[in-house]
Amino acid sequence: MKIYRIDGNRCFSEPSKGLSYHLTKELAEKHLKDKGFYLETRKWENIGGHEPNSPNKMWYNIKLSDDGYSYDNTRYAFITEIDVNEGS
């Protein structure tokens, strides 16, 4: 069984783990959208973990600048898939 954990924090801070947990990736994405986050789809070289084809898709609460930097109070989040052993 898999669950989906949302991790994140303020930009330039280490991520806090376990901000919320969801049964499906779709529910985790809906939670972030409902909180005002959006999925950043631009690809920058070596900026904020946005390397092309990176498995980590970052969500932000404020639109980033064109050069990929955050503004004051920008928060980020990402969804982590976790395998849960049933019957353990």
PDB file of N, CA and C in Angstrom:
ATOM      1  N   MET A   1       0.847  -1.177   0.000  1.00  0.00           N
ATOM      2  CA  MET A   1       0.000   0.000   0.000  1.00  0.00           C
ATOM      3  C   MET A   1       0.888   1.234   0.000  1.00  0.00           C
ATOM      4  N   LYS A   2       0.460   2.260  -0.694  1.00  0.00           N
ATOM      5  CA  LYS A   2       1.203   3.510  -0.751  1.00  0.00           C
ATOM      6  C   LYS A   2       0.367   4.634  -0.151  1.00  0.00           C
ATOM      7  N   ILE A   3       1.051   5.573   0.502  1.00  0.00           N
ATOM      8  CA  ILE A   3       0.425   6.823   0.915  1.00  0.00           C
ATOM      9  C   ILE A   3       1.291   7.950   0.382  1.00  0.00           C
ATOM     10  N   TYR A   4       0.753   9.153   0.386  1.00  0.00           N
ATOM     11  CA  TYR A   4       1.447  10.300  -0.172  1.00  0.00           C
ATOM     12  C   TYR A   4       1.562  11.375   0.899  1.00  0.00           C
ATOM     13  N   ARG A   5       2.811  11.722   1.202  1.00  0.00           N
ATOM     14  CA  ARG A   5       3.109  12.689   2.247  1.00  0.00           C
ATOM     15  C   ARG A   5       3.506  14.007   1.596  1.00  0.00           C
ATOM     16  N   ILE A   6       3.005  15.105   2.128  1.00  0.00           N
ATOM     17  CA  ILE A   6       3.420  16.425   1.663  1.00  0.00           C
ATOM     18  C   ILE A   6       4.484  16.947   2.618  1.00  0.00           C
ATOM     19  N   ASP A   7       5.628  17.284   2.045  1.00  0.00           N
ATOM     20  CA  ASP A   7       6.735  17.885   2.768  1.00  0.00           C
ATOM     21  C   ASP A   7       6.940  19.290   2.215  1.00  0.00           C
ATOM     22  N   GLY A   8       7.572  20.161   2.995  1.00  0.00           N
ATOM     23  CA  GLY A   8       7.866  21.494   2.492  1.00  0.00           C
ATOM     24  C   GLY A   8       8.214  22.454   3.601  1.00  0.00           C
ATOM     25  N   ASN A   9       8.408  23.710   3.224  1.00  0.00           N
ATOM     26  CA  ASN A   9       8.796  24.736   4.182  1.00  0.00           C
ATOM     27  C   ASN A   9       8.855  26.068   3.442  1.00  0.00           C
ATOM     28  N   ARG A  10       9.433  27.065   4.103  1.00  0.00           N
ATOM     29  CA  ARG A  10       9.730  28.334   3.450  1.00  0.00           C
ATOM     30  C   ARG A  10      10.945  28.126   2.561  1.00  0.00           C
ATOM     31  N   CYS A  11      10.997  28.816   1.413  1.00  0.00           N
ATOM     32  CA  CYS A  11      12.152  28.687   0.528  1.00  0.00           C
ATOM     33  C   CYS A  11      13.426  29.010   1.287  1.00  0.00           C
ATOM     34  N   PHE A  12      14.482  28.335   0.938  1.00  0.00           N
ATOM     35  CA  PHE A  12      15.812  28.446   1.540  1.00  0.00           C
ATOM     36  C   PHE A  12      15.866  27.839   2.933  1.00  0.00           C
ATOM     37  N   SER A  13      14.846  27.045   3.322  1.00  0.00           N
ATOM     38  CA  SER A  13      14.848  26.327   4.592  1.00  0.00           C
ATOM     39  C   SER A  13      14.779  24.837   4.301  1.00  0.00           C
ATOM     40  N   GLU A  14      15.318  24.057   5.198  1.00  0.00           N
ATOM     41  CA  GLU A  14      15.228  22.608   5.060  1.00  0.00           C
ATOM     42  C   GLU A  14      13.763  22.183   5.122  1.00  0.00           C
ATOM     43  N   PRO A  15      13.372  21.169   4.358  1.00  0.00           N
ATOM     44  CA  PRO A  15      11.965  20.767   4.363  1.00  0.00           C
ATOM     45  C   PRO A  15      11.540  20.122   5.676  1.00  0.00           C
ATOM     46  N   SER A  16      10.337  20.442   6.093  1.00  0.00           N
ATOM     47  CA  SER A  16       9.697  19.745   7.206  1.00  0.00           C
ATOM     48  C   SER A  16       8.960  18.561   6.615  1.00  0.00           C
ATOM     49  N   LYS A  17       9.041  17.416   7.260  1.00  0.00           N
ATOM     50  CA  LYS A  17       8.393  16.216   6.744  1.00  0.00           C
ATOM     51  C   LYS A  17       7.043  16.013   7.420  1.00  0.00           C
ATOM     52  N   GLY A  18       6.108  15.502   6.649  1.00  0.00           N
ATOM     53  CA  GLY A  18       4.824  15.108   7.200  1.00  0.00           C
ATOM     54  C   GLY A  18       3.865  16.253   7.471  1.00  0.00           C
ATOM     55  N   LEU A  19       3.798  17.226   6.563  1.00  0.00           N
ATOM     56  CA  LEU A  19       2.847  18.315   6.738  1.00  0.00           C
ATOM     57  C   LEU A  19       1.415  17.810   6.613  1.00  0.00           C
ATOM     58  N   SER A  20       1.214  16.818   5.761  1.00  0.00           N
ATOM     59  CA  SER A  20      -0.081  16.137   5.668  1.00  0.00           C
ATOM     60  C   SER A  20       0.126  14.817   4.928  1.00  0.00           C
ATOM     61  N   TYR A  21      -0.846  13.918   5.091  1.00  0.00           N
ATOM     62  CA  TYR A  21      -0.789  12.585   4.474  1.00  0.00           C
ATOM     63  C   TYR A  21      -2.086  12.339   3.716  1.00  0.00           C
ATOM     64  N   HIS A  22      -1.974  11.653   2.554  1.00  0.00           N
ATOM     65  CA  HIS A  22      -3.140  11.421   1.699  1.00  0.00           C
ATOM     66  C   HIS A  22      -3.089  10.013   1.123  1.00  0.00           C
ATOM     67  N   LEU A  23      -4.255   9.464   0.844  1.00  0.00           N
ATOM     68  CA  LEU A  23      -4.338   8.096   0.320  1.00  0.00           C
ATOM     69  C   LEU A  23      -3.982   8.001  -1.158  1.00  0.00           C
ATOM     70  N   THR A  24      -4.160   9.102  -1.910  1.00  0.00           N
ATOM     71  CA  THR A  24      -3.821   9.093  -3.332  1.00  0.00           C
ATOM     72  C   THR A  24      -3.033  10.352  -3.670  1.00  0.00           C
ATOM     73  N   LYS A  25      -2.273  10.281  -4.762  1.00  0.00           N
ATOM     74  CA  LYS A  25      -1.523  11.448  -5.231  1.00  0.00           C
ATOM     75  C   LYS A  25      -2.485  12.564  -5.631  1.00  0.00           C
ATOM     76  N   GLU A  26      -3.625  12.184  -6.198  1.00  0.00           N
ATOM     77  CA  GLU A  26      -4.615  13.175  -6.616  1.00  0.00           C
ATOM     78  C   GLU A  26      -5.149  13.968  -5.420  1.00  0.00           C
ATOM     79  N   LEU A  27      -5.387  13.272  -4.303  1.00  0.00           N
ATOM     80  CA  LEU A  27      -5.849  13.976  -3.095  1.00  0.00           C
ATOM     81  C   LEU A  27      -4.769  14.904  -2.546  1.00  0.00           C
ATOM     82  N   ALA A  28      -3.514  14.481  -2.613  1.00  0.00           N
ATOM     83  CA  ALA A  28      -2.413  15.339  -2.167  1.00  0.00           C
ATOM     84  C   ALA A  28      -2.322  16.582  -3.050  1.00  0.00           C
ATOM     85  N   GLU A  29      -2.441  16.399  -4.366  1.00  0.00           N
ATOM     86  CA  GLU A  29      -2.398  17.539  -5.290  1.00  0.00           C
ATOM     87  C   GLU A  29      -3.582  18.471  -5.061  1.00  0.00           C
ATOM     88  N   LYS A  30      -4.761  17.917  -4.826  1.00  0.00           N
ATOM     89  CA  LYS A  30      -5.944  18.736  -4.563  1.00  0.00           C
ATOM     90  C   LYS A  30      -5.743  19.558  -3.284  1.00  0.00           C
ATOM     91  N   HIS A  31      -5.152  18.939  -2.261  1.00  0.00           N
ATOM     92  CA  HIS A  31      -4.879  19.636  -1.006  1.00  0.00           C
ATOM     93  C   HIS A  31      -3.976  20.847  -1.253  1.00  0.00           C
ATOM     94  N   LEU A  32      -2.921  20.645  -2.026  1.00  0.00           N
ATOM     95  CA  LEU A  32      -2.015  21.754  -2.321  1.00  0.00           C
ATOM     96  C   LEU A  32      -2.714  22.848  -3.124  1.00  0.00           C
ATOM     97  N   LYS A  33      -3.489  22.456  -4.132  1.00  0.00           N
ATOM     98  CA  LYS A  33      -4.227  23.445  -4.931  1.00  0.00           C
ATOM     99  C   LYS A  33      -5.209  24.222  -4.070  1.00  0.00           C
ATOM    100  N   ASP A  34      -5.901  23.534  -3.174  1.00  0.00           N
ATOM    101  CA  ASP A  34      -6.858  24.191  -2.281  1.00  0.00           C
ATOM    102  C   ASP A  34      -6.172  25.184  -1.353  1.00  0.00           C
ATOM    103  N   LYS A  35      -4.889  24.949  -1.051  1.00  0.00           N
ATOM    104  CA  LYS A  35      -4.112  25.853  -0.190  1.00  0.00           C
ATOM    105  C   LYS A  35      -3.460  26.982  -0.985  1.00  0.00           C
ATOM    106  N   GLY A  36      -3.709  27.033  -2.298  1.00  0.00           N
ATOM    107  CA  GLY A  36      -3.169  28.108  -3.125  1.00  0.00           C
ATOM    108  C   GLY A  36      -1.819  27.824  -3.765  1.00  0.00           C
ATOM    109  N   PHE A  37      -1.367  26.576  -3.712  1.00  0.00           N
ATOM    110  CA  PHE A  37      -0.099  26.217  -4.331  1.00  0.00           C
ATOM    111  C   PHE A  37      -0.326  25.870  -5.798  1.00  0.00           C
ATOM    112  N   TYR A  38       0.697  26.012  -6.602  1.00  0.00           N
ATOM    113  CA  TYR A  38       0.630  25.605  -8.000  1.00  0.00           C
ATOM    114  C   TYR A  38       1.916  24.864  -8.326  1.00  0.00           C
ATOM    115  N   LEU A  39       1.832  23.988  -9.316  1.00  0.00           N
ATOM    116  CA  LEU A  39       2.985  23.184  -9.723  1.00  0.00           C
ATOM    117  C   LEU A  39       3.842  24.002 -10.673  1.00  0.00           C
ATOM    118  N   GLU A  40       5.093  24.171 -10.319  1.00  0.00           N
ATOM    119  CA  GLU A  40       6.015  24.931 -11.172  1.00  0.00           C
ATOM    120  C   GLU A  40       6.502  24.023 -12.286  1.00  0.00           C
ATOM    121  N   THR A  41       6.242  24.411 -13.513  1.00  0.00           N
ATOM    122  CA  THR A  41       6.567  23.545 -14.639  1.00  0.00           C
ATOM    123  C   THR A  41       7.779  24.017 -15.431  1.00  0.00           C
ATOM    124  N   ARG A  42       8.258  25.225 -15.183  1.00  0.00           N
ATOM    125  CA  ARG A  42       9.441  25.687 -15.911  1.00  0.00           C
ATOM    126  C   ARG A  42      10.655  24.863 -15.494  1.00  0.00           C
ATOM    127  N   LYS A  43      11.604  24.745 -16.375  1.00  0.00           N
ATOM    128  CA  LYS A  43      12.823  23.980 -16.098  1.00  0.00           C
ATOM    129  C   LYS A  43      14.020  24.923 -16.156  1.00  0.00           C
ATOM    130  N   TRP A  44      14.737  25.017 -15.053  1.00  0.00           N
ATOM    131  CA  TRP A  44      15.960  25.811 -15.006  1.00  0.00           C
ATOM    132  C   TRP A  44      17.118  24.886 -14.734  1.00  0.00           C
ATOM    133  N   GLU A  45      18.264  25.236 -15.189  1.00  0.00           N
ATOM    134  CA  GLU A  45      19.467  24.457 -14.913  1.00  0.00           C
ATOM    135  C   GLU A  45      19.977  24.799 -13.514  1.00  0.00           C
ATOM    136  N   ASN A  46      20.030  23.797 -12.653  1.00  0.00           N
ATOM    137  CA  ASN A  46      20.674  23.909 -11.350  1.00  0.00           C
ATOM    138  C   ASN A  46      20.121  25.011 -10.452  1.00  0.00           C
ATOM    139  N   ILE A  47      18.843  25.301 -10.546  1.00  0.00           N
ATOM    140  CA  ILE A  47      18.218  26.287  -9.661  1.00  0.00           C
ATOM    141  C   ILE A  47      17.063  25.619  -8.943  1.00  0.00           C
ATOM    142  N   GLY A  48      17.118  25.576  -7.633  1.00  0.00           N
ATOM    143  CA  GLY A  48      16.007  25.111  -6.817  1.00  0.00           C
ATOM    144  C   GLY A  48      15.530  23.702  -7.114  1.00  0.00           C
ATOM    145  N   GLY A  49      16.425  22.818  -7.527  1.00  0.00           N
ATOM    146  CA  GLY A  49      16.023  21.443  -7.777  1.00  0.00           C
ATOM    147  C   GLY A  49      15.190  21.261  -9.031  1.00  0.00           C
ATOM    148  N   HIS A  50      15.253  22.197  -9.948  1.00  0.00           N
ATOM    149  CA  HIS A  50      14.450  22.121 -11.163  1.00  0.00           C
ATOM    150  C   HIS A  50      15.232  21.613 -12.358  1.00  0.00           C
ATOM    151  N   GLU A  51      16.183  20.748 -12.118  1.00  0.00           N
ATOM    152  CA  GLU A  51      16.932  20.203 -13.233  1.00  0.00           C
ATOM    153  C   GLU A  51      15.985  19.466 -14.178  1.00  0.00           C
ATOM    154  N   PRO A  52      16.236  19.541 -15.482  1.00  0.00           N
ATOM    155  CA  PRO A  52      15.361  18.841 -16.426  1.00  0.00           C
ATOM    156  C   PRO A  52      15.200  17.371 -16.052  1.00  0.00           C
ATOM    157  N   ASN A  53      13.992  16.875 -16.167  1.00  0.00           N
ATOM    158  CA  ASN A  53      13.622  15.488 -15.868  1.00  0.00           C
ATOM    159  C   ASN A  53      13.799  15.113 -14.401  1.00  0.00           C
ATOM    160  N   SER A  54      13.822  16.092 -13.527  1.00  0.00           N
ATOM    161  CA  SER A  54      13.922  15.823 -12.093  1.00  0.00           C
ATOM    162  C   SER A  54      12.655  15.113 -11.631  1.00  0.00           C
ATOM    163  N   PRO A  55      12.794  14.095 -10.773  1.00  0.00           N
ATOM    164  CA  PRO A  55      11.593  13.423 -10.279  1.00  0.00           C
ATOM    165  C   PRO A  55      10.815  14.264  -9.275  1.00  0.00           C
ATOM    166  N   ASN A  56      11.444  15.286  -8.707  1.00  0.00           N
ATOM    167  CA  ASN A  56      10.774  16.122  -7.719  1.00  0.00           C
ATOM    168  C   ASN A  56      10.100  17.304  -8.394  1.00  0.00           C
ATOM    169  N   LYS A  57       8.793  17.279  -8.391  1.00  0.00           N
ATOM    170  CA  LYS A  57       8.020  18.390  -8.920  1.00  0.00           C
ATOM    171  C   LYS A  57       7.699  19.307  -7.762  1.00  0.00           C
ATOM    172  N   MET A  58       8.098  20.545  -7.849  1.00  0.00           N
ATOM    173  CA  MET A  58       7.947  21.482  -6.746  1.00  0.00           C
ATOM    174  C   MET A  58       6.678  22.314  -6.902  1.00  0.00           C
ATOM    175  N   TRP A  59       5.991  22.496  -5.800  1.00  0.00           N
ATOM    176  CA  TRP A  59       4.798  23.329  -5.728  1.00  0.00           C
ATOM    177  C   TRP A  59       5.167  24.588  -4.954  1.00  0.00           C
ATOM    178  N   TYR A  60       4.637  25.731  -5.372  1.00  0.00           N
ATOM    179  CA  TYR A  60       4.922  27.001  -4.710  1.00  0.00           C
ATOM    180  C   TYR A  60       3.629  27.748  -4.445  1.00  0.00           C
ATOM    181  N   ASN A  61       3.645  28.597  -3.414  1.00  0.00           N
ATOM    182  CA  ASN A  61       2.463  29.379  -3.099  1.00  0.00           C
ATOM    183  C   ASN A  61       2.500  30.754  -3.763  1.00  0.00           C
ATOM    184  N   ILE A  62       3.640  31.147  -4.317  1.00  0.00           N
ATOM    185  CA  ILE A  62       3.799  32.432  -4.990  1.00  0.00           C
ATOM    186  C   ILE A  62       4.560  32.172  -6.288  1.00  0.00           C
ATOM    187  N   LYS A  63       4.164  32.837  -7.369  1.00  0.00           N
ATOM    188  CA  LYS A  63       4.850  32.679  -8.653  1.00  0.00           C
ATOM    189  C   LYS A  63       6.309  33.090  -8.504  1.00  0.00           C
ATOM    190  N   LEU A  64       7.218  32.267  -9.003  1.00  0.00           N
ATOM    191  CA  LEU A  64       8.639  32.579  -8.943  1.00  0.00           C
ATOM    192  C   LEU A  64       9.006  33.614 -10.006  1.00  0.00           C
ATOM    193  N   SER A  65      10.140  34.275  -9.807  1.00  0.00           N
ATOM    194  CA  SER A  65      10.608  35.241 -10.794  1.00  0.00           C
ATOM    195  C   SER A  65      11.047  34.505 -12.064  1.00  0.00           C
ATOM    196  N   ASP A  66      11.213  35.235 -13.144  1.00  0.00           N
ATOM    197  CA  ASP A  66      11.590  34.616 -14.413  1.00  0.00           C
ATOM    198  C   ASP A  66      12.929  33.907 -14.355  1.00  0.00           C
ATOM    199  N   ASP A  67      13.829  34.339 -13.454  1.00  0.00           N
ATOM    200  CA  ASP A  67      15.126  33.682 -13.353  1.00  0.00           C
ATOM    201  C   ASP A  67      15.112  32.541 -12.338  1.00  0.00           C
ATOM    202  N   GLY A  68      13.933  32.233 -11.771  1.00  0.00           N
ATOM    203  CA  GLY A  68      13.807  31.057 -10.923  1.00  0.00           C
ATOM    204  C   GLY A  68      13.990  31.290  -9.449  1.00  0.00           C
ATOM    205  N   TYR A  69      14.044  32.530  -9.022  1.00  0.00           N
ATOM    206  CA  TYR A  69      14.247  32.807  -7.601  1.00  0.00           C
ATOM    207  C   TYR A  69      12.928  33.127  -6.917  1.00  0.00           C
ATOM    208  N   SER A  70      12.904  32.893  -5.621  1.00  0.00           N
ATOM    209  CA  SER A  70      11.678  33.113  -4.854  1.00  0.00           C
ATOM    210  C   SER A  70      11.637  34.531  -4.308  1.00  0.00           C
ATOM    211  N   TYR A  71      10.447  34.944  -3.963  1.00  0.00           N
ATOM    212  CA  TYR A  71      10.231  36.228  -3.319  1.00  0.00           C
ATOM    213  C   TYR A  71      10.100  35.991  -1.816  1.00  0.00           C
ATOM    214  N   ASP A  72      10.036  37.062  -1.021  1.00  0.00           N
ATOM    215  CA  ASP A  72       9.854  36.926   0.426  1.00  0.00           C
ATOM    216  C   ASP A  72       8.604  36.106   0.718  1.00  0.00           C
ATOM    217  N   ASN A  73       8.696  35.267   1.731  1.00  0.00           N
ATOM    218  CA  ASN A  73       7.586  34.437   2.203  1.00  0.00           C
ATOM    219  C   ASN A  73       7.105  33.391   1.207  1.00  0.00           C
ATOM    220  N   THR A  74       7.916  33.072   0.221  1.00  0.00           N
ATOM    221  CA  THR A  74       7.553  31.997  -0.708  1.00  0.00           C
ATOM    222  C   THR A  74       7.711  30.669   0.010  1.00  0.00           C
ATOM    223  N   ARG A  75       6.684  29.817  -0.116  1.00  0.00           N
ATOM    224  CA  ARG A  75       6.728  28.484   0.473  1.00  0.00           C
ATOM    225  C   ARG A  75       6.735  27.466  -0.655  1.00  0.00           C
ATOM    226  N   TYR A  76       7.375  26.344  -0.410  1.00  0.00           N
ATOM    227  CA  TYR A  76       7.417  25.265  -1.395  1.00  0.00           C
ATOM    228  C   TYR A  76       6.877  23.995  -0.753  1.00  0.00           C
ATOM    229  N   ALA A  77       6.473  23.074  -1.589  1.00  0.00           N
ATOM    230  CA  ALA A  77       6.006  21.776  -1.120  1.00  0.00           C
ATOM    231  C   ALA A  77       6.305  20.746  -2.206  1.00  0.00           C
ATOM    232  N   PHE A  78       6.407  19.495  -1.788  1.00  0.00           N
ATOM    233  CA  PHE A  78       6.532  18.413  -2.745  1.00  0.00           C
ATOM    234  C   PHE A  78       5.877  17.175  -2.152  1.00  0.00           C
ATOM    235  N   ILE A  79       5.482  16.293  -3.027  1.00  0.00           N
ATOM    236  CA  ILE A  79       4.760  15.082  -2.624  1.00  0.00           C
ATOM    237  C   ILE A  79       5.736  13.913  -2.647  1.00  0.00           C
ATOM    238  N   THR A  80       5.781  13.188  -1.538  1.00  0.00           N
ATOM    239  CA  THR A  80       6.642  12.020  -1.413  1.00  0.00           C
ATOM    240  C   THR A  80       5.773  10.773  -1.310  1.00  0.00           C
ATOM    241  N   GLU A  81       6.054   9.806  -2.189  1.00  0.00           N
ATOM    242  CA  GLU A  81       5.331   8.540  -2.158  1.00  0.00           C
ATOM    243  C   GLU A  81       5.996   7.625  -1.136  1.00  0.00           C
ATOM    244  N   ILE A  82       5.195   7.032  -0.244  1.00  0.00           N
ATOM    245  CA  ILE A  82       5.729   6.174   0.813  1.00  0.00           C
ATOM    246  C   ILE A  82       5.065   4.813   0.729  1.00  0.00           C
ATOM    247  N   ASP A  83       5.882   3.775   0.731  1.00  0.00           N
ATOM    248  CA  ASP A  83       5.354   2.406   0.806  1.00  0.00           C
ATOM    249  C   ASP A  83       5.063   2.067   2.257  1.00  0.00           C
ATOM    250  N   VAL A  84       3.872   1.571   2.513  1.00  0.00           N
ATOM    251  CA  VAL A  84       3.474   1.184   3.858  1.00  0.00           C
ATOM    252  C   VAL A  84       3.296  -0.328   3.867  1.00  0.00           C
ATOM    253  N   ASN A  85       3.993  -0.997   4.758  1.00  0.00           N
ATOM    254  CA  ASN A  85       3.861  -2.454   4.853  1.00  0.00           C
ATOM    255  C   ASN A  85       2.577  -2.801   5.598  1.00  0.00           C
ATOM    256  N   GLU A  86       1.715  -3.531   4.926  1.00  0.00           N
ATOM    257  CA  GLU A  86       0.467  -3.959   5.540  1.00  0.00           C
ATOM    258  C   GLU A  86       0.731  -5.177   6.415  1.00  0.00           C
ATOM    259  N   GLY A  87       0.094  -5.209   7.580  1.00  0.00           N
ATOM    260  CA  GLY A  87       0.206  -6.336   8.457  1.00  0.00           C
ATOM    261  C   GLY A  87       1.487  -6.381   9.270  1.00  0.00           C
ATOM    262  N   SER A  88       2.252  -5.286   9.286  1.00  0.00           N
ATOM    263  CA  SER A  88       3.500  -5.279  10.060  1.00  0.00           C
ATOM    264  C   SER A  88       3.254  -4.807  11.472  1.00  0.00           C
TER     265      SER A  88
END
